[in-house]
Amino acid sequence: MGLTEEQAKENIKKYGFNEIKEKSVPIFVLFLQKFWGPIPWLLEFTGILTFLLKKYPDTVAIFVLLIFNGLVSFWHEL
């Protein structure tokens, strides 16, 4: 057996519908999340270190790859 229609209406009033509300996250936050984690931190640290060692072509390459990876990952998630 199940609930009567009256019991179901009462439960809907008391508890609401059986649904999960979606959390709305701004797009720029989704994009910035691609640069938060152990691997991006390692690449960011390496990029900063190579900049401080004045190896500018390597610095540019690291940050270009980091940004490219973030863009591709963001595009796939959308």
PDB file of N, CA and C in Angstrom:
ATOM      1  N   MET A   1       0.841  -1.177   0.000  1.00  0.00           N
ATOM      2  CA  MET A   1       0.000   0.000   0.000  1.00  0.00           C
ATOM      3  C   MET A   1       0.889   1.245   0.000  1.00  0.00           C
ATOM      4  N   GLY A   2       0.300   2.338  -0.293  1.00  0.00           N
ATOM      5  CA  GLY A   2       1.024   3.595  -0.303  1.00  0.00           C
ATOM      6  C   GLY A   2       0.269   4.629   0.496  1.00  0.00           C
ATOM      7  N   LEU A   3       0.654   5.838   0.317  1.00  0.00           N
ATOM      8  CA  LEU A   3      -0.021   6.943   0.999  1.00  0.00           C
ATOM      9  C   LEU A   3      -1.333   7.260   0.296  1.00  0.00           C
ATOM     10  N   THR A   4      -2.256   7.742   1.071  1.00  0.00           N
ATOM     11  CA  THR A   4      -3.486   8.232   0.456  1.00  0.00           C
ATOM     12  C   THR A   4      -3.186   9.590  -0.154  1.00  0.00           C
ATOM     13  N   GLU A   5      -4.047  10.044  -1.006  1.00  0.00           N
ATOM     14  CA  GLU A   5      -3.847  11.336  -1.648  1.00  0.00           C
ATOM     15  C   GLU A   5      -3.823  12.451  -0.611  1.00  0.00           C
ATOM     16  N   GLU A   6      -4.623  12.298   0.397  1.00  0.00           N
ATOM     17  CA  GLU A   6      -4.676  13.293   1.478  1.00  0.00           C
ATOM     18  C   GLU A   6      -3.355  13.340   2.237  1.00  0.00           C
ATOM     19  N   GLN A   7      -2.795  12.162   2.548  1.00  0.00           N
ATOM     20  CA  GLN A   7      -1.513  12.102   3.250  1.00  0.00           C
ATOM     21  C   GLN A   7      -0.396  12.685   2.376  1.00  0.00           C
ATOM     22  N   ALA A   8      -0.455  12.399   1.092  1.00  0.00           N
ATOM     23  CA  ALA A   8       0.559  12.928   0.180  1.00  0.00           C
ATOM     24  C   ALA A   8       0.511  14.446   0.133  1.00  0.00           C
ATOM     25  N   LYS A   9      -0.681  15.015   0.045  1.00  0.00           N
ATOM     26  CA  LYS A   9      -0.808  16.480   0.028  1.00  0.00           C
ATOM     27  C   LYS A   9      -0.300  17.078   1.329  1.00  0.00           C
ATOM     28  N   GLU A  10      -0.587  16.407   2.427  1.00  0.00           N
ATOM     29  CA  GLU A  10      -0.137  16.880   3.741  1.00  0.00           C
ATOM     30  C   GLU A  10       1.394  16.861   3.816  1.00  0.00           C
ATOM     31  N   ASN A  11       1.985  15.777   3.303  1.00  0.00           N
ATOM     32  CA  ASN A  11       3.455  15.691   3.300  1.00  0.00           C
ATOM     33  C   ASN A  11       4.088  16.750   2.408  1.00  0.00           C
ATOM     34  N   ILE A  12       3.448  17.051   1.282  1.00  0.00           N
ATOM     35  CA  ILE A  12       3.968  18.096   0.397  1.00  0.00           C
ATOM     36  C   ILE A  12       3.929  19.446   1.098  1.00  0.00           C
ATOM     37  N   LYS A  13       2.847  19.721   1.818  1.00  0.00           N
ATOM     38  CA  LYS A  13       2.763  20.982   2.574  1.00  0.00           C
ATOM     39  C   LYS A  13       3.832  21.035   3.652  1.00  0.00           C
ATOM     40  N   LYS A  14       4.047  19.909   4.316  1.00  0.00           N
ATOM     41  CA  LYS A  14       4.969  19.861   5.449  1.00  0.00           C
ATOM     42  C   LYS A  14       6.432  19.869   5.000  1.00  0.00           C
ATOM     43  N   TYR A  15       6.775  19.039   3.996  1.00  0.00           N
ATOM     44  CA  TYR A  15       8.170  18.845   3.604  1.00  0.00           C
ATOM     45  C   TYR A  15       8.538  19.448   2.258  1.00  0.00           C
ATOM     46  N   GLY A  16       7.552  19.785   1.459  1.00  0.00           N
ATOM     47  CA  GLY A  16       7.835  20.292   0.121  1.00  0.00           C
ATOM     48  C   GLY A  16       7.987  19.148  -0.864  1.00  0.00           C
ATOM     49  N   PHE A  17       8.251  19.485  -2.112  1.00  0.00           N
ATOM     50  CA  PHE A  17       8.397  18.478  -3.156  1.00  0.00           C
ATOM     51  C   PHE A  17       9.728  17.752  -3.005  1.00  0.00           C
ATOM     52  N   ASN A  18       9.783  16.539  -3.495  1.00  0.00           N
ATOM     53  CA  ASN A  18      10.982  15.720  -3.437  1.00  0.00           C
ATOM     54  C   ASN A  18      11.912  16.117  -4.585  1.00  0.00           C
ATOM     55  N   GLU A  19      12.667  17.194  -4.364  1.00  0.00           N
ATOM     56  CA  GLU A  19      13.552  17.686  -5.411  1.00  0.00           C
ATOM     57  C   GLU A  19      14.792  18.306  -4.795  1.00  0.00           C
ATOM     58  N   ILE A  20      15.849  18.328  -5.571  1.00  0.00           N
ATOM     59  CA  ILE A  20      17.109  18.922  -5.138  1.00  0.00           C
ATOM     60  C   ILE A  20      17.264  20.237  -5.877  1.00  0.00           C
ATOM     61  N   LYS A  21      17.508  21.294  -5.128  1.00  0.00           N
ATOM     62  CA  LYS A  21      17.683  22.606  -5.746  1.00  0.00           C
ATOM     63  C   LYS A  21      19.100  22.724  -6.278  1.00  0.00           C
ATOM     64  N   GLU A  22      19.217  23.207  -7.514  1.00  0.00           N
ATOM     65  CA  GLU A  22      20.528  23.396  -8.123  1.00  0.00           C
ATOM     66  C   GLU A  22      21.199  24.628  -7.543  1.00  0.00           C
ATOM     67  N   LYS A  23      22.497  24.484  -7.289  1.00  0.00           N
ATOM     68  CA  LYS A  23      23.268  25.627  -6.823  1.00  0.00           C
ATOM     69  C   LYS A  23      23.786  26.372  -8.046  1.00  0.00           C
ATOM     70  N   SER A  24      23.548  27.645  -8.085  1.00  0.00           N
ATOM     71  CA  SER A  24      23.995  28.456  -9.208  1.00  0.00           C
ATOM     72  C   SER A  24      25.385  29.013  -8.900  1.00  0.00           C
ATOM     73  N   VAL A  25      26.343  28.663  -9.748  1.00  0.00           N
ATOM     74  CA  VAL A  25      27.713  29.123  -9.571  1.00  0.00           C
ATOM     75  C   VAL A  25      28.053  30.015 -10.761  1.00  0.00           C
ATOM     76  N   PRO A  26      28.549  31.228 -10.504  1.00  0.00           N
ATOM     77  CA  PRO A  26      28.916  32.110 -11.621  1.00  0.00           C
ATOM     78  C   PRO A  26      29.981  31.466 -12.511  1.00  0.00           C
ATOM     79  N   ILE A  27      29.924  31.784 -13.794  1.00  0.00           N
ATOM     80  CA  ILE A  27      30.835  31.180 -14.772  1.00  0.00           C
ATOM     81  C   ILE A  27      32.293  31.506 -14.461  1.00  0.00           C
ATOM     82  N   PHE A  28      32.581  32.722 -14.019  1.00  0.00           N
ATOM     83  CA  PHE A  28      33.974  33.065 -13.753  1.00  0.00           C
ATOM     84  C   PHE A  28      34.527  32.255 -12.585  1.00  0.00           C
ATOM     85  N   VAL A  29      33.666  31.864 -11.647  1.00  0.00           N
ATOM     86  CA  VAL A  29      34.110  31.025 -10.530  1.00  0.00           C
ATOM     87  C   VAL A  29      34.442  29.624 -11.042  1.00  0.00           C
ATOM     88  N   LEU A  30      33.615  29.102 -11.954  1.00  0.00           N
ATOM     89  CA  LEU A  30      33.903  27.797 -12.552  1.00  0.00           C
ATOM     90  C   LEU A  30      35.250  27.820 -13.275  1.00  0.00           C
ATOM     91  N   PHE A  31      35.519  28.929 -13.980  1.00  0.00           N
ATOM     92  CA  PHE A  31      36.788  29.044 -14.696  1.00  0.00           C
ATOM     93  C   PHE A  31      37.965  29.132 -13.719  1.00  0.00           C
ATOM     94  N   LEU A  32      37.822  29.926 -12.673  1.00  0.00           N
ATOM     95  CA  LEU A  32      38.916  30.078 -11.715  1.00  0.00           C
ATOM     96  C   LEU A  32      39.185  28.797 -10.929  1.00  0.00           C
ATOM     97  N   GLN A  33      38.165  27.942 -10.785  1.00  0.00           N
ATOM     98  CA  GLN A  33      38.364  26.673 -10.090  1.00  0.00           C
ATOM     99  C   GLN A  33      39.336  25.763 -10.838  1.00  0.00           C
ATOM    100  N   LYS A  34      39.510  26.004 -12.112  1.00  0.00           N
ATOM    101  CA  LYS A  34      40.437  25.190 -12.905  1.00  0.00           C
ATOM    102  C   LYS A  34      41.884  25.451 -12.512  1.00  0.00           C
ATOM    103  N   PHE A  35      42.137  26.533 -11.800  1.00  0.00           N
ATOM    104  CA  PHE A  35      43.485  26.884 -11.368  1.00  0.00           C
ATOM    105  C   PHE A  35      43.676  26.642  -9.879  1.00  0.00           C
ATOM    106  N   TRP A  36      42.770  25.868  -9.267  1.00  0.00           N
ATOM    107  CA  TRP A  36      42.828  25.597  -7.834  1.00  0.00           C
ATOM    108  C   TRP A  36      42.970  24.098  -7.637  1.00  0.00           C
ATOM    109  N   GLY A  37      44.113  23.694  -7.168  1.00  0.00           N
ATOM    110  CA  GLY A  37      44.372  22.280  -6.930  1.00  0.00           C
ATOM    111  C   GLY A  37      45.870  22.013  -6.956  1.00  0.00           C
ATOM    112  N   PRO A  38      46.273  20.827  -6.585  1.00  0.00           N
ATOM    113  CA  PRO A  38      47.711  20.531  -6.479  1.00  0.00           C
ATOM    114  C   PRO A  38      48.493  20.691  -7.786  1.00  0.00           C
ATOM    115  N   ILE A  39      47.956  20.208  -8.896  1.00  0.00           N
ATOM    116  CA  ILE A  39      48.692  20.301 -10.167  1.00  0.00           C
ATOM    117  C   ILE A  39      48.785  21.749 -10.646  1.00  0.00           C
ATOM    118  N   PRO A  40      47.685  22.517 -10.676  1.00  0.00           N
ATOM    119  CA  PRO A  40      47.826  23.927 -11.059  1.00  0.00           C
ATOM    120  C   PRO A  40      48.749  24.696 -10.115  1.00  0.00           C
ATOM    121  N   TRP A  41      48.697  24.395  -8.811  1.00  0.00           N
ATOM    122  CA  TRP A  41      49.594  25.082  -7.871  1.00  0.00           C
ATOM    123  C   TRP A  41      51.045  24.789  -8.212  1.00  0.00           C
ATOM    124  N   LEU A  42      51.336  23.544  -8.571  1.00  0.00           N
ATOM    125  CA  LEU A  42      52.696  23.168  -8.933  1.00  0.00           C
ATOM    126  C   LEU A  42      53.155  23.928 -10.171  1.00  0.00           C
ATOM    127  N   LEU A  43      52.273  24.016 -11.171  1.00  0.00           N
ATOM    128  CA  LEU A  43      52.630  24.752 -12.384  1.00  0.00           C
ATOM    129  C   LEU A  43      52.776  26.254 -12.112  1.00  0.00           C
ATOM    130  N   GLU A  44      51.906  26.803 -11.276  1.00  0.00           N
ATOM    131  CA  GLU A  44      52.018  28.228 -10.934  1.00  0.00           C
ATOM    132  C   GLU A  44      53.313  28.502 -10.188  1.00  0.00           C
ATOM    133  N   PHE A  45      53.640  27.642  -9.240  1.00  0.00           N
ATOM    134  CA  PHE A  45      54.891  27.798  -8.490  1.00  0.00           C
ATOM    135  C   PHE A  45      56.092  27.705  -9.427  1.00  0.00           C
ATOM    136  N   THR A  46      56.053  26.734 -10.346  1.00  0.00           N
ATOM    137  CA  THR A  46      57.144  26.570 -11.305  1.00  0.00           C
ATOM    138  C   THR A  46      57.258  27.788 -12.211  1.00  0.00           C
ATOM    139  N   GLY A  47      56.123  28.331 -12.639  1.00  0.00           N
ATOM    140  CA  GLY A  47      56.135  29.529 -13.474  1.00  0.00           C
ATOM    141  C   GLY A  47      56.739  30.715 -12.750  1.00  0.00           C
ATOM    142  N   ILE A  48      56.383  30.885 -11.495  1.00  0.00           N
ATOM    143  CA  ILE A  48      56.939  31.993 -10.702  1.00  0.00           C
ATOM    144  C   ILE A  48      58.436  31.787 -10.488  1.00  0.00           C
ATOM    145  N   LEU A  49      58.829  30.552 -10.203  1.00  0.00           N
ATOM    146  CA  LEU A  49      60.242  30.256  -9.985  1.00  0.00           C
ATOM    147  C   LEU A  49      61.070  30.501 -11.247  1.00  0.00           C
ATOM    148  N   THR A  50      60.571  30.085 -12.388  1.00  0.00           N
ATOM    149  CA  THR A  50      61.313  30.326 -13.627  1.00  0.00           C
ATOM    150  C   THR A  50      61.371  31.819 -13.960  1.00  0.00           C
ATOM    151  N   PHE A  51      60.329  32.564 -13.582  1.00  0.00           N
ATOM    152  CA  PHE A  51      60.358  34.011 -13.779  1.00  0.00           C
ATOM    153  C   PHE A  51      61.442  34.640 -12.907  1.00  0.00           C
ATOM    154  N   LEU A  52      61.519  34.203 -11.649  1.00  0.00           N
ATOM    155  CA  LEU A  52      62.537  34.740 -10.740  1.00  0.00           C
ATOM    156  C   LEU A  52      63.953  34.366 -11.179  1.00  0.00           C
ATOM    157  N   LEU A  53      64.082  33.245 -11.874  1.00  0.00           N
ATOM    158  CA  LEU A  53      65.391  32.836 -12.408  1.00  0.00           C
ATOM    159  C   LEU A  53      65.677  33.473 -13.766  1.00  0.00           C
ATOM    160  N   LYS A  54      64.779  34.347 -14.201  1.00  0.00           N
ATOM    161  CA  LYS A  54      64.903  35.113 -15.446  1.00  0.00           C
ATOM    162  C   LYS A  54      64.954  34.215 -16.684  1.00  0.00           C
ATOM    163  N   LYS A  55      64.202  33.132 -16.647  1.00  0.00           N
ATOM    164  CA  LYS A  55      64.058  32.252 -17.820  1.00  0.00           C
ATOM    165  C   LYS A  55      62.686  32.544 -18.422  1.00  0.00           C
ATOM    166  N   TYR A  56      62.613  33.693 -19.071  1.00  0.00           N
ATOM    167  CA  TYR A  56      61.327  34.211 -19.532  1.00  0.00           C
ATOM    168  C   TYR A  56      60.624  33.342 -20.584  1.00  0.00           C
ATOM    169  N   PRO A  57      61.342  32.769 -21.551  1.00  0.00           N
ATOM    170  CA  PRO A  57      60.622  31.902 -22.507  1.00  0.00           C
ATOM    171  C   PRO A  57      59.969  30.692 -21.815  1.00  0.00           C
ATOM    172  N   ASP A  58      60.680  30.125 -20.834  1.00  0.00           N
ATOM    173  CA  ASP A  58      60.112  28.999 -20.085  1.00  0.00           C
ATOM    174  C   ASP A  58      58.900  29.445 -19.273  1.00  0.00           C
ATOM    175  N   THR A  59      58.987  30.638 -18.688  1.00  0.00           N
ATOM    176  CA  THR A  59      57.871  31.177 -17.905  1.00  0.00           C
ATOM    177  C   THR A  59      56.637  31.343 -18.775  1.00  0.00           C
ATOM    178  N   VAL A  60      56.830  31.917 -19.942  1.00  0.00           N
ATOM    179  CA  VAL A  60      55.700  32.117 -20.861  1.00  0.00           C
ATOM    180  C   VAL A  60      55.116  30.772 -21.271  1.00  0.00           C
ATOM    181  N   ALA A  61      55.959  29.807 -21.579  1.00  0.00           N
ATOM    182  CA  ALA A  61      55.477  28.487 -21.988  1.00  0.00           C
ATOM    183  C   ALA A  61      54.665  27.825 -20.885  1.00  0.00           C
ATOM    184  N   ILE A  62      55.131  27.912 -19.659  1.00  0.00           N
ATOM    185  CA  ILE A  62      54.414  27.290 -18.532  1.00  0.00           C
ATOM    186  C   ILE A  62      53.053  27.942 -18.350  1.00  0.00           C
ATOM    187  N   PHE A  63      52.999  29.260 -18.352  1.00  0.00           N
ATOM    188  CA  PHE A  63      51.717  29.935 -18.122  1.00  0.00           C
ATOM    189  C   PHE A  63      50.764  29.787 -19.307  1.00  0.00           C
ATOM    190  N   VAL A  64      51.311  29.734 -20.524  1.00  0.00           N
ATOM    191  CA  VAL A  64      50.453  29.495 -21.696  1.00  0.00           C
ATOM    192  C   VAL A  64      49.819  28.107 -21.594  1.00  0.00           C
ATOM    193  N   LEU A  65      50.613  27.101 -21.243  1.00  0.00           N
ATOM    194  CA  LEU A  65      50.080  25.749 -21.095  1.00  0.00           C
ATOM    195  C   LEU A  65      49.078  25.655 -19.937  1.00  0.00           C
ATOM    196  N   LEU A  66      49.356  26.347 -18.853  1.00  0.00           N
ATOM    197  CA  LEU A  66      48.434  26.358 -17.713  1.00  0.00           C
ATOM    198  C   LEU A  66      47.092  26.970 -18.106  1.00  0.00           C
ATOM    199  N   ILE A  67      47.134  28.090 -18.792  1.00  0.00           N
ATOM    200  CA  ILE A  67      45.899  28.764 -19.212  1.00  0.00           C
ATOM    201  C   ILE A  67      45.176  27.932 -20.275  1.00  0.00           C
ATOM    202  N   PHE A  68      45.926  27.353 -21.212  1.00  0.00           N
ATOM    203  CA  PHE A  68      45.314  26.501 -22.234  1.00  0.00           C
ATOM    204  C   PHE A  68      44.601  25.309 -21.588  1.00  0.00           C
ATOM    205  N   ASN A  69      45.256  24.683 -20.631  1.00  0.00           N
ATOM    206  CA  ASN A  69      44.653  23.557 -19.930  1.00  0.00           C
ATOM    207  C   ASN A  69      43.387  23.995 -19.189  1.00  0.00           C
ATOM    208  N   GLY A  70      43.420  25.153 -18.545  1.00  0.00           N
ATOM    209  CA  GLY A  70      42.242  25.671 -17.850  1.00  0.00           C
ATOM    210  C   GLY A  70      41.093  25.944 -18.802  1.00  0.00           C
ATOM    211  N   LEU A  71      41.403  26.521 -19.960  1.00  0.00           N
ATOM    212  CA  LEU A  71      40.371  26.812 -20.952  1.00  0.00           C
ATOM    213  C   LEU A  71      39.738  25.541 -21.508  1.00  0.00           C
ATOM    214  N   VAL A  72      40.558  24.556 -21.843  1.00  0.00           N
ATOM    215  CA  VAL A  72      40.034  23.304 -22.389  1.00  0.00           C
ATOM    216  C   VAL A  72      39.178  22.586 -21.345  1.00  0.00           C
ATOM    217  N   SER A  73      39.646  22.539 -20.115  1.00  0.00           N
ATOM    218  CA  SER A  73      38.890  21.887 -19.047  1.00  0.00           C
ATOM    219  C   SER A  73      37.569  22.610 -18.794  1.00  0.00           C
ATOM    220  N   PHE A  74      37.605  23.923 -18.798  1.00  0.00           N
ATOM    221  CA  PHE A  74      36.390  24.738 -18.610  1.00  0.00           C
ATOM    222  C   PHE A  74      35.406  24.494 -19.741  1.00  0.00           C
ATOM    223  N   TRP A  75      35.905  24.453 -20.978  1.00  0.00           N
ATOM    224  CA  TRP A  75      35.053  24.225 -22.147  1.00  0.00           C
ATOM    225  C   TRP A  75      34.393  22.854 -22.076  1.00  0.00           C
ATOM    226  N   HIS A  76      35.143  21.845 -21.663  1.00  0.00           N
ATOM    227  CA  HIS A  76      34.579  20.502 -21.556  1.00  0.00           C
ATOM    228  C   HIS A  76      33.520  20.427 -20.471  1.00  0.00           C
ATOM    229  N   GLU A  77      33.718  21.157 -19.381  1.00  0.00           N
ATOM    230  CA  GLU A  77      32.746  21.118 -18.285  1.00  0.00           C
ATOM    231  C   GLU A  77      31.438  21.779 -18.684  1.00  0.00           C
ATOM    232  N   LEU A  78      31.535  22.845 -19.486  1.00  0.00           N
ATOM    233  CA  LEU A  78      30.301  23.513 -19.922  1.00  0.00           C
ATOM    234  C   LEU A  78      29.562  22.636 -20.915  1.00  0.00           C
TER     235      LEU A  78
END
